[in-house]
C-alpha atoms as a PDB file:
ATOM      1  CA  MET A   1     127.255  -1.164  71.287  1.00  0.00           C
ATOM      2  CA  GLU A   2     125.961  -0.385  74.757  1.00  0.00           C
ATOM      3  CA  MET A   3     125.520  -3.406  76.915  1.00  0.00           C
ATOM      4  CA  THR A   4     121.861  -4.054  77.908  1.00  0.00           C
ATOM      5  CA  THR A   5     120.721  -5.617  81.167  1.00  0.00           C
ATOM      6  CA  ASN A   6     119.299  -8.463  79.232  1.00  0.00           C
ATOM      7  CA  GLY A   7     122.680  -9.110  77.471  1.00  0.00           C
ATOM      8  CA  PHE A   8     124.510  -8.671  80.733  1.00  0.00           C
ATOM      9  CA  ALA A   9     122.992 -11.748  82.203  1.00  0.00           C
ATOM     10  CA  ALA A  10     124.581 -13.982  79.607  1.00  0.00           C
ATOM     11  CA  THR A  11     128.180 -12.640  80.194  1.00  0.00           C
ATOM     12  CA  PRO A  12     130.665 -14.055  82.742  1.00  0.00           C
ATOM     13  CA  ALA A  13     130.331 -10.847  84.798  1.00  0.00           C
ATOM     14  CA  GLY A  14     126.533 -11.125  84.679  1.00  0.00           C
ATOM     15  CA  GLN A  15     126.685 -14.656  85.925  1.00  0.00           C
ATOM     16  CA  GLU A  16     129.042 -13.629  88.740  1.00  0.00           C
ATOM     17  CA  TYR A  17     126.813 -10.727  89.686  1.00  0.00           C
ATOM     18  CA  PHE A  18     123.672 -12.902  89.922  1.00  0.00           C
ATOM     19  CA  ASP A  19     125.562 -15.487  91.951  1.00  0.00           C
ATOM     20  CA  ARG A  20     126.404 -12.764  94.432  1.00  0.00           C
ATOM     21  CA  TYR A  21     122.825 -11.458  94.234  1.00  0.00           C
ATOM     22  CA  ASP A  22     121.477 -14.967  95.133  1.00  0.00           C
ATOM     23  CA  ARG A  23     124.013 -15.251  97.996  1.00  0.00           C
ATOM     24  CA  VAL A  24     122.499 -12.171  99.645  1.00  0.00           C
ATOM     25  CA  LEU A  25     118.916 -13.165  98.834  1.00  0.00           C
ATOM     26  CA  ASP A  26     119.608 -16.484 100.697  1.00  0.00           C
ATOM     27  CA  LYS A  27     119.946 -14.482 103.934  1.00  0.00           C
ATOM     28  CA  TRP A  28     116.235 -13.589 103.917  1.00  0.00           C
ATOM     29  CA  ALA A  29     114.661 -15.204 106.899  1.00  0.00           C
ATOM     30  CA  ALA A  30     111.504 -16.270 104.964  1.00  0.00           C
ATOM     31  CA  PRO A  31     110.943 -18.185 101.683  1.00  0.00           C
ATOM     32  CA  VAL A  32     111.102 -15.931  98.715  1.00  0.00           C
ATOM     33  CA  VAL A  33     109.419 -16.249  95.299  1.00  0.00           C
ATOM     34  CA  GLY A  34     110.587 -14.177  92.372  1.00  0.00           C
ATOM     35  CA  ARG A  35     107.947 -12.501  90.310  1.00  0.00           C
ATOM     36  CA  SER A  36     108.541 -10.922  86.779  1.00  0.00           C
ATOM     37  CA  VAL A  37     106.286  -8.066  85.874  1.00  0.00           C
ATOM     38  CA  THR A  38     106.228  -6.869  82.265  1.00  0.00           C
ATOM     39  CA  THR A  39     105.437  -3.225  81.574  1.00  0.00           C
ATOM     40  CA  ARG A  40     106.163  -1.059  78.466  1.00  0.00           C
ATOM     41  CA  HIS A  41     109.559  -0.117  80.051  1.00  0.00           C
ATOM     42  CA  GLY A  42     110.831  -3.629  80.544  1.00  0.00           C
ATOM     43  CA  VAL A  43     110.604  -6.593  82.908  1.00  0.00           C
ATOM     44  CA  THR A  44     110.623  -5.730  86.598  1.00  0.00           C
ATOM     45  CA  HIS A  45     111.795  -8.361  89.132  1.00  0.00           C
ATOM     46  CA  VAL A  46     110.106  -8.431  92.431  1.00  0.00           C
ATOM     47  CA  ASN A  47     111.044 -10.632  95.379  1.00  0.00           C
ATOM     48  CA  VAL A  48     107.936 -11.675  97.326  1.00  0.00           C
ATOM     49  CA  CYS A  49     107.450 -13.277 100.702  1.00  0.00           C
ATOM     50  CA  GLY A  50     104.913 -13.542 103.448  1.00  0.00           C
ATOM     51  CA  PRO A  51     101.296 -14.867 103.625  1.00  0.00           C
ATOM     52  CA  ASP A  52      99.092 -14.469 100.565  1.00  0.00           C
ATOM     53  CA  ASP A  53      96.402 -12.681 102.672  1.00  0.00           C
ATOM     54  CA  GLY A  54      98.987 -10.447 104.475  1.00  0.00           C
ATOM     55  CA  THR A  55      98.780  -6.718 104.297  1.00  0.00           C
ATOM     56  CA  PRO A  56     100.898  -5.692 101.257  1.00  0.00           C
ATOM     57  CA  VAL A  57     104.151  -3.784 101.951  1.00  0.00           C
ATOM     58  CA  VAL A  58     106.277  -2.605  98.974  1.00  0.00           C
ATOM     59  CA  LEU A  59     109.965  -2.096  99.577  1.00  0.00           C
ATOM     60  CA  LEU A  60     112.021   0.230  97.293  1.00  0.00           C
ATOM     61  CA  PRO A  61     115.863   0.103  97.762  1.00  0.00           C
ATOM     62  CA  GLY A  62     118.514   2.682  97.501  1.00  0.00           C
ATOM     63  CA  ALA A  63     120.294   3.213  94.137  1.00  0.00           C
ATOM     64  CA  GLY A  64     122.735   0.358  93.434  1.00  0.00           C
ATOM     65  CA  ALA A  65     121.571  -1.639  96.488  1.00  0.00           C
ATOM     66  CA  SER A  66     119.013  -3.891  94.867  1.00  0.00           C
ATOM     67  CA  SER A  67     116.030  -5.393  96.668  1.00  0.00           C
ATOM     68  CA  THR A  68     118.325  -7.852  98.353  1.00  0.00           C
ATOM     69  CA  SER A  69     119.424  -5.001 100.770  1.00  0.00           C
ATOM     70  CA  TRP A  70     116.257  -5.614 102.824  1.00  0.00           C
ATOM     71  CA  PHE A  71     117.464  -9.088 103.955  1.00  0.00           C
ATOM     72  CA  ALA A  72     117.827  -7.974 107.635  1.00  0.00           C
ATOM     73  CA  VAL A  73     114.105  -6.956 107.968  1.00  0.00           C
ATOM     74  CA  ALA A  74     112.130  -8.593 105.156  1.00  0.00           C
ATOM     75  CA  GLY A  75     111.809 -12.011 106.953  1.00  0.00           C
ATOM     76  CA  GLU A  76     110.348 -10.376 110.083  1.00  0.00           C
ATOM     77  CA  LEU A  77     107.923  -8.204 108.054  1.00  0.00           C
ATOM     78  CA  ALA A  78     106.817 -11.293 106.205  1.00  0.00           C
ATOM     79  CA  ALA A  79     105.492 -12.784 109.449  1.00  0.00           C
ATOM     80  CA  THR A  80     102.485 -10.486 109.228  1.00  0.00           C
ATOM     81  CA  HIS A  81     102.670  -8.809 105.803  1.00  0.00           C
ATOM     82  CA  ARG A  82     102.946  -9.736 102.174  1.00  0.00           C
ATOM     83  CA  VAL A  83     106.277  -8.220 101.243  1.00  0.00           C
ATOM     84  CA  TYR A  84     107.070  -7.031  97.671  1.00  0.00           C
ATOM     85  CA  ALA A  85     110.629  -5.971  97.343  1.00  0.00           C
ATOM     86  CA  VAL A  86     111.254  -4.305  93.937  1.00  0.00           C
ATOM     87  CA  ASP A  87     114.414  -4.277  91.930  1.00  0.00           C
ATOM     88  CA  LEU A  88     114.444  -0.793  90.343  1.00  0.00           C
ATOM     89  CA  LEU A  89     114.437  -0.710  86.624  1.00  0.00           C
ATOM     90  CA  GLY A  90     117.702   0.375  85.008  1.00  0.00           C
ATOM     91  CA  ASP A  91     119.503  -0.249  88.417  1.00  0.00           C
ATOM     92  CA  PRO A  92     121.544  -3.172  89.452  1.00  0.00           C
ATOM     93  CA  GLY A  93     119.330  -6.205  90.140  1.00  0.00           C
ATOM     94  CA  ARG A  94     117.288  -8.672  88.188  1.00  0.00           C
ATOM     95  CA  SER A  95     114.989  -6.189  86.490  1.00  0.00           C
ATOM     96  CA  VAL A  96     115.544  -5.938  82.767  1.00  0.00           C
ATOM     97  CA  ALA A  97     115.176  -2.471  81.239  1.00  0.00           C
ATOM     98  CA  GLY A  98     113.550  -2.017  77.895  1.00  0.00           C
ATOM     99  CA  SER A  99     112.360   1.515  76.955  1.00  0.00           C
ATOM    100  CA  ARG A 100     114.404   3.753  79.133  1.00  0.00           C
ATOM    101  CA  LEU A 101     112.835   5.715  81.903  1.00  0.00           C
ATOM    102  CA  ARG A 102     113.455   9.319  80.958  1.00  0.00           C
ATOM    103  CA  THR A 103     110.998  11.546  83.051  1.00  0.00           C
ATOM    104  CA  VAL A 104     109.464  11.466  86.422  1.00  0.00           C
ATOM    105  CA  ASP A 105     106.144  10.687  84.671  1.00  0.00           C
ATOM    106  CA  ASP A 106     107.846   7.638  83.236  1.00  0.00           C
ATOM    107  CA  LEU A 107     109.224   6.639  86.635  1.00  0.00           C
ATOM    108  CA  LEU A 108     105.924   6.960  88.465  1.00  0.00           C
ATOM    109  CA  GLY A 109     103.954   5.431  85.599  1.00  0.00           C
ATOM    110  CA  TRP A 110     106.348   2.402  85.673  1.00  0.00           C
ATOM    111  CA  LEU A 111     105.755   1.884  89.433  1.00  0.00           C
ATOM    112  CA  SER A 112     101.979   2.212  89.019  1.00  0.00           C
ATOM    113  CA  ALA A 113     102.046  -0.402  86.199  1.00  0.00           C
ATOM    114  CA  VAL A 114     104.087  -2.807  88.393  1.00  0.00           C
ATOM    115  CA  LEU A 115     101.646  -2.405  91.362  1.00  0.00           C
ATOM    116  CA  ASP A 116      98.649  -2.881  89.023  1.00  0.00           C
ATOM    117  CA  ALA A 117     100.197  -5.959  87.540  1.00  0.00           C
ATOM    118  CA  LEU A 118     100.710  -7.461  91.071  1.00  0.00           C
ATOM    119  CA  GLY A 119      97.105  -6.691  91.841  1.00  0.00           C
ATOM    120  CA  LEU A 120      97.950  -4.233  94.566  1.00  0.00           C
ATOM    121  CA  GLU A 121      95.321  -1.402  94.859  1.00  0.00           C
ATOM    122  CA  SER A 122      96.564   0.173  98.164  1.00  0.00           C
ATOM    123  CA  VAL A 123      99.891  -0.535  99.739  1.00  0.00           C
ATOM    124  CA  ALA A 124     102.218   0.471 102.537  1.00  0.00           C
ATOM    125  CA  LEU A 125     105.198   1.919 100.682  1.00  0.00           C
ATOM    126  CA  VAL A 126     108.633   1.849 102.224  1.00  0.00           C
ATOM    127  CA  GLY A 127     111.749   3.383 100.598  1.00  0.00           C
ATOM    128  CA  HIS A 128     115.379   3.898 101.487  1.00  0.00           C
ATOM    129  CA  SER A 129     117.599   6.619 100.129  1.00  0.00           C
ATOM    130  CA  TYR A 130     116.753   7.061  96.364  1.00  0.00           C
ATOM    131  CA  GLY A 131     113.964   4.629  96.960  1.00  0.00           C
ATOM    132  CA  ALA A 132     112.521   7.059  99.471  1.00  0.00           C
ATOM    133  CA  MET A 133     112.582   9.797  96.860  1.00  0.00           C
ATOM    134  CA  VAL A 134     110.614   7.555  94.497  1.00  0.00           C
ATOM    135  CA  ALA A 135     108.173   6.544  97.241  1.00  0.00           C
ATOM    136  CA  LEU A 136     107.478  10.201  98.272  1.00  0.00           C
ATOM    137  CA  ALA A 137     106.942  11.360  94.704  1.00  0.00           C
ATOM    138  CA  TYR A 138     104.693   8.391  94.073  1.00  0.00           C
ATOM    139  CA  ALA A 139     102.625   9.010  97.236  1.00  0.00           C
ATOM    140  CA  LEU A 140     102.136  12.654  96.274  1.00  0.00           C
ATOM    141  CA  ARG A 141     101.047  11.791  92.783  1.00  0.00           C
ATOM    142  CA  ASN A 142      98.907   8.714  93.820  1.00  0.00           C
ATOM    143  CA  PRO A 143      97.306   9.346  97.223  1.00  0.00           C
ATOM    144  CA  ASP A 144      94.573   6.789  96.667  1.00  0.00           C
ATOM    145  CA  LYS A 145      97.202   4.001  96.194  1.00  0.00           C
ATOM    146  CA  VAL A 146      99.396   4.544  99.267  1.00  0.00           C
ATOM    147  CA  ARG A 147      97.962   3.564 102.622  1.00  0.00           C
ATOM    148  CA  ARG A 148     101.080   4.269 104.660  1.00  0.00           C
ATOM    149  CA  LEU A 149     104.392   5.824 103.785  1.00  0.00           C
ATOM    150  CA  VAL A 150     107.771   5.148 105.464  1.00  0.00           C
ATOM    151  CA  LEU A 151     110.872   7.101 104.352  1.00  0.00           C
ATOM    152  CA  VAL A 152     114.148   5.645 105.502  1.00  0.00           C
ATOM    153  CA  ASP A 153     116.961   8.312 105.657  1.00  0.00           C
ATOM    154  CA  PRO A 154     115.553  10.014 102.562  1.00  0.00           C
ATOM    155  CA  ASN A 155     118.123  12.099 100.783  1.00  0.00           C
ATOM    156  CA  ALA A 156     117.133  15.306  98.907  1.00  0.00           C
ATOM    157  CA  CYS A 157     113.480  14.944  99.853  1.00  0.00           C
ATOM    158  CA  PHE A 158     113.425  17.602 102.553  1.00  0.00           C
ATOM    159  CA  ALA A 159     116.896  19.133 102.488  1.00  0.00           C
ATOM    160  CA  GLY A 160     119.969  19.025 100.297  1.00  0.00           C
ATOM    161  CA  MET A 161     122.919  16.748 100.610  1.00  0.00           C
ATOM    162  CA  ARG A 162     126.119  17.873 102.292  1.00  0.00           C
ATOM    163  CA  PRO A 163     128.778  19.294  99.915  1.00  0.00           C
ATOM    164  CA  GLY A 164     131.302  17.046 101.550  1.00  0.00           C
ATOM    165  CA  TYR A 165     129.384  13.985 100.678  1.00  0.00           C
ATOM    166  CA  LEU A 166     128.888  14.984  97.197  1.00  0.00           C
ATOM    167  CA  LEU A 167     132.661  15.552  96.784  1.00  0.00           C
ATOM    168  CA  ARG A 168     133.293  12.131  98.193  1.00  0.00           C
ATOM    169  CA  ALA A 169     130.744  10.580  95.852  1.00  0.00           C
ATOM    170  CA  LEU A 170     131.934  12.401  92.696  1.00  0.00           C
ATOM    171  CA  PRO A 171     134.682   9.909  91.739  1.00  0.00           C
ATOM    172  CA  LEU A 172     132.202   7.085  91.957  1.00  0.00           C
ATOM    173  CA  LEU A 173     129.670   8.935  89.845  1.00  0.00           C
ATOM    174  CA  LEU A 174     132.283   9.772  87.209  1.00  0.00           C
ATOM    175  CA  ARG A 175     133.689   6.249  86.920  1.00  0.00           C
ATOM    176  CA  PRO A 176     132.079   3.574  89.107  1.00  0.00           C
ATOM    177  CA  THR A 177     134.409   0.912  90.445  1.00  0.00           C
ATOM    178  CA  ALA A 178     134.136  -1.596  93.185  1.00  0.00           C
ATOM    179  CA  LYS A 179     137.003   0.141  95.053  1.00  0.00           C
ATOM    180  CA  ARG A 180     135.333   3.590  94.907  1.00  0.00           C
ATOM    181  CA  GLN A 181     132.011   2.184  95.993  1.00  0.00           C
ATOM    182  CA  ARG A 182     133.531   0.510  98.933  1.00  0.00           C
ATOM    183  CA  ALA A 183     135.519   3.614  99.822  1.00  0.00           C
ATOM    184  CA  LEU A 184     132.496   5.852  99.881  1.00  0.00           C
ATOM    185  CA  ILE A 185     130.418   3.333 102.018  1.00  0.00           C
ATOM    186  CA  GLY A 186     133.432   2.835 104.373  1.00  0.00           C
ATOM    187  CA  TRP A 187     133.817   6.597 104.755  1.00  0.00           C
ATOM    188  CA  GLU A 188     130.114   7.199 105.345  1.00  0.00           C
ATOM    189  CA  THR A 189     129.699   4.367 107.791  1.00  0.00           C
ATOM    190  CA  ALA A 190     132.970   5.150 109.569  1.00  0.00           C
ATOM    191  CA  GLY A 191     134.138   1.618 108.865  1.00  0.00           C
ATOM    192  CA  SER A 192     131.038  -0.119 110.339  1.00  0.00           C
ATOM    193  CA  ASP A 193     130.990  -3.915 110.067  1.00  0.00           C
ATOM    194  CA  LEU A 194     128.580  -4.370 107.193  1.00  0.00           C
ATOM    195  CA  ASP A 195     127.545  -7.603 105.689  1.00  0.00           C
ATOM    196  CA  ARG A 196     130.440  -8.715 103.413  1.00  0.00           C
ATOM    197  CA  ASP A 197     128.317 -10.463 100.803  1.00  0.00           C
ATOM    198  CA  TRP A 198     126.151  -7.452 100.333  1.00  0.00           C
ATOM    199  CA  LEU A 199     129.239  -5.145 100.035  1.00  0.00           C
ATOM    200  CA  ASP A 200     130.645  -7.542  97.427  1.00  0.00           C
ATOM    201  CA  LEU A 201     127.401  -7.406  95.414  1.00  0.00           C
ATOM    202  CA  VAL A 202     127.121  -3.670  95.568  1.00  0.00           C
ATOM    203  CA  GLY A 203     130.798  -3.166  94.659  1.00  0.00           C
ATOM    204  CA  PHE A 204     130.614  -5.658  91.841  1.00  0.00           C
ATOM    205  CA  GLY A 205     127.441  -4.104  90.507  1.00  0.00           C
ATOM    206  CA  ALA A 206     128.923  -0.593  90.566  1.00  0.00           C
ATOM    207  CA  GLU A 207     131.824  -1.750  88.362  1.00  0.00           C
ATOM    208  CA  HIS A 208     130.090  -4.176  86.031  1.00  0.00           C
ATOM    209  CA  PHE A 209     126.317  -3.734  85.856  1.00  0.00           C
ATOM    210  CA  PRO A 210     125.186  -1.666  82.786  1.00  0.00           C
ATOM    211  CA  ALA A 211     122.970   0.684  84.928  1.00  0.00           C
ATOM    212  CA  THR A 212     121.338   3.717  83.420  1.00  0.00           C
ATOM    213  CA  ARG A 213     121.244   7.238  84.909  1.00  0.00           C
ATOM    214  CA  PRO A 214     118.261   7.307  87.395  1.00  0.00           C
ATOM    215  CA  VAL A 215     115.396   9.722  87.025  1.00  0.00           C
ATOM    216  CA  VAL A 216     115.486  11.891  90.068  1.00  0.00           C
ATOM    217  CA  PRO A 217     112.217  13.417  91.336  1.00  0.00           C
ATOM    218  CA  ARG A 218     112.499  17.155  92.257  1.00  0.00           C
ATOM    219  CA  ARG A 219     112.388  18.030  95.923  1.00  0.00           C
ATOM    220  CA  PRO A 220     108.662  18.601  96.741  1.00  0.00           C
ATOM    221  CA  SER A 221     107.608  22.144  97.691  1.00  0.00           C
ATOM    222  CA  ARG A 222     106.325  22.773 101.151  1.00  0.00           C
ATOM    223  CA  ARG A 223     102.775  23.305  99.745  1.00  0.00           C
ATOM    224  CA  ALA A 224     102.962  19.941  97.971  1.00  0.00           C
ATOM    225  CA  LEU A 225     104.106  18.200 101.126  1.00  0.00           C
ATOM    226  CA  ALA A 226     101.243  19.726 103.045  1.00  0.00           C
ATOM    227  CA  ASP A 227      98.846  17.931 100.766  1.00  0.00           C
ATOM    228  CA  LEU A 228     100.299  14.530 101.684  1.00  0.00           C
ATOM    229  CA  GLN A 229      97.424  12.478 102.869  1.00  0.00           C
ATOM    230  CA  CYS A 230      98.690   9.137 104.164  1.00  0.00           C
ATOM    231  CA  PRO A 231     100.157   8.458 107.534  1.00  0.00           C
ATOM    232  CA  THR A 232     103.859   9.139 107.111  1.00  0.00           C
ATOM    233  CA  THR A 233     106.979   8.065 109.159  1.00  0.00           C
ATOM    234  CA  VAL A 234     110.457   9.454 108.445  1.00  0.00           C
ATOM    235  CA  VAL A 235     113.315   7.375 109.846  1.00  0.00           C
ATOM    236  CA  LEU A 236     116.560   9.213 110.140  1.00  0.00           C
ATOM    237  CA  ALA A 237     120.159   7.897 110.722  1.00  0.00           C
ATOM    238  CA  GLU A 238     121.663  10.012 113.471  1.00  0.00           C
ATOM    239  CA  ARG A 239     125.138   9.422 112.121  1.00  0.00           C
ATOM    240  CA  SER A 240     124.301   9.975 108.436  1.00  0.00           C
ATOM    241  CA  ARG A 241     127.011  11.911 106.598  1.00  0.00           C
ATOM    242  CA  ILE A 242     124.811  12.439 103.583  1.00  0.00           C
ATOM    243  CA  HIS A 243     122.735  15.325 105.024  1.00  0.00           C
ATOM    244  CA  ASN A 244     122.182  17.347 108.303  1.00  0.00           C
ATOM    245  CA  VAL A 245     119.635  15.086 110.016  1.00  0.00           C
ATOM    246  CA  ASP A 246     118.556  17.838 112.434  1.00  0.00           C
ATOM    247  CA  ARG A 247     117.719  20.078 109.545  1.00  0.00           C
ATOM    248  CA  VAL A 248     115.869  17.261 107.726  1.00  0.00           C
ATOM    249  CA  ARG A 249     113.872  16.527 110.921  1.00  0.00           C
ATOM    250  CA  SER A 250     113.008  20.237 111.344  1.00  0.00           C
ATOM    251  CA  ARG A 251     111.821  20.538 107.813  1.00  0.00           C
ATOM    252  CA  VAL A 252     109.738  17.357 108.063  1.00  0.00           C
ATOM    253  CA  THR A 253     108.054  18.603 111.187  1.00  0.00           C
ATOM    254  CA  ASN A 254     107.348  22.012 109.620  1.00  0.00           C
ATOM    255  CA  ALA A 255     106.150  20.681 106.283  1.00  0.00           C
ATOM    256  CA  ILE A 256     104.194  17.651 107.507  1.00  0.00           C
ATOM    257  CA  PRO A 257     103.019  18.274 111.051  1.00  0.00           C
ATOM    258  CA  THR A 258     101.234  14.841 111.159  1.00  0.00           C
ATOM    259  CA  ALA A 259     104.327  12.921 110.285  1.00  0.00           C
ATOM    260  CA  ARG A 260     106.300  10.954 112.768  1.00  0.00           C
ATOM    261  CA  THR A 261     110.003  11.190 112.796  1.00  0.00           C
ATOM    262  CA  ARG A 262     112.211   8.489 114.385  1.00  0.00           C
ATOM    263  CA  MET A 263     115.916   8.841 114.887  1.00  0.00           C
ATOM    264  CA  LEU A 264     118.112   5.712 114.966  1.00  0.00           C
ATOM    265  CA  ASP A 265     121.139   6.616 116.982  1.00  0.00           C
ATOM    266  CA  SER A 266     123.611   3.962 115.885  1.00  0.00           C
ATOM    267  CA  ALA A 267     122.692   4.162 112.121  1.00  0.00           C
ATOM    268  CA  THR A 268     124.373   5.830 109.136  1.00  0.00           C
ATOM    269  CA  HIS A 269     122.838   6.211 105.657  1.00  0.00           C
ATOM    270  CA  TYR A 270     124.601   3.135 104.294  1.00  0.00           C
ATOM    271  CA  THR A 271     124.161   0.888 107.258  1.00  0.00           C
ATOM    272  CA  LEU A 272     120.403   1.093 106.657  1.00  0.00           C
ATOM    273  CA  PRO A 273     118.205  -0.802 106.059  1.00  0.00           C
ATOM    274  CA  MET A 274     120.514  -3.629 107.216  1.00  0.00           C
ATOM    275  CA  ALA A 275     121.521  -2.215 110.668  1.00  0.00           C
ATOM    276  CA  PRO A 276     120.517  -1.606 113.302  1.00  0.00           C
ATOM    277  CA  ALA A 277     117.841  -4.232 112.176  1.00  0.00           C
ATOM    278  CA  PRO A 278     116.034  -4.495 115.556  1.00  0.00           C
ATOM    279  CA  ALA A 279     115.629  -0.730 115.878  1.00  0.00           C
ATOM    280  CA  LEU A 280     114.435  -0.388 112.283  1.00  0.00           C
ATOM    281  CA  LEU A 281     112.107  -3.310 112.653  1.00  0.00           C
ATOM    282  CA  ALA A 282     110.538  -1.639 115.786  1.00  0.00           C
ATOM    283  CA  VAL A 283     109.960   1.570 113.857  1.00  0.00           C
ATOM    284  CA  LEU A 284     108.421  -0.347 110.907  1.00  0.00           C
ATOM    285  CA  ASP A 285     106.171  -2.248 113.193  1.00  0.00           C
ATOM    286  CA  GLU A 286     104.927   0.991 114.694  1.00  0.00           C
ATOM    287  CA  ALA A 287     104.553   2.732 111.275  1.00  0.00           C
ATOM    288  CA  LEU A 288     102.787  -0.118 109.435  1.00  0.00           C
ATOM    289  CA  ARG A 289     100.136  -0.902 112.052  1.00  0.00           C
END
C-alpha cells in the first residue's frame, strides 16, 4: 500500500523529518503560528507571522523545499507584513494530501480555497522556482486576488530549462535520495555554503517523504502574459544553472513591458530564497510597497 502523508507522520522517518523541519522553522526571526486549512484536497499547513493588521504576503516555496526555506527573509518581512508561508500540498512539509491534485484547475482551485479560508481577498504573492510557476498561473487566472506578484528565479515560466541541468536532475527524478539531492544542489550552487539544517531537511525529505508528482502549469503564451494586470517583479539569480538568465530577462521584458527585473549577482537558483538574504530583502521591500 502506498504511504500517505498522514501515515508518514506516525513513522520513525516521519518523526525524524518533522524534527528537522522544526529545526529550520526555529531559525525564523519572528514568532510563527501554524495554521491548518482544510479543503477538499486535504489539509494545508501554513506558517504565519507578523502583525494581524499587516499587509498580507503569501510565500510559495520551490518543490521539495517546504515553507521553512523562507527563514532568511520571513522574519524581516513580518516586521511590516502579515506573512503566510504555505507548504505545498503533496510536497514535503506539514500539509496532508487527501484527494490528489491532478490538473492545473485542481492546483489553482486548491490555492484559492486556502486563501479564502484564511480570509485573504487580495494578496501579494511571492513564489520561488516551482512556487513561482504556481504563483504566475494563479495571478493570470485570478487577477482580482493578486495585488502584487514577485517571481524568484522562475523556471519554465518564460524560457525552458537548460538540457545540462535536466540531465543532472534526472537521477534524482528517477530515484530520489538524500545523496542525489545534495549532489544536484551542490553542483548548481558550485558548492556554496548553504544552511546545513535546511540541506539535511531537503535531503531527508527527498529520500523519505511520500511526495506525489506535482502538477506543472504550462508556460504561458506571450498573449496571456500581456494580460497580466498586477505589478510584477521578476528576481533572477545571475549564476543560476537551471536556465539562461539573460534569455529569461529578455523574454520577461518583451512579454511584460511593465514588469521590473532584478538580477542578484551572487545568487544561484538553489541559494535562493536563503542567500543572498539582504539583496533579496531589498528587492522584496521595493516590490511589495
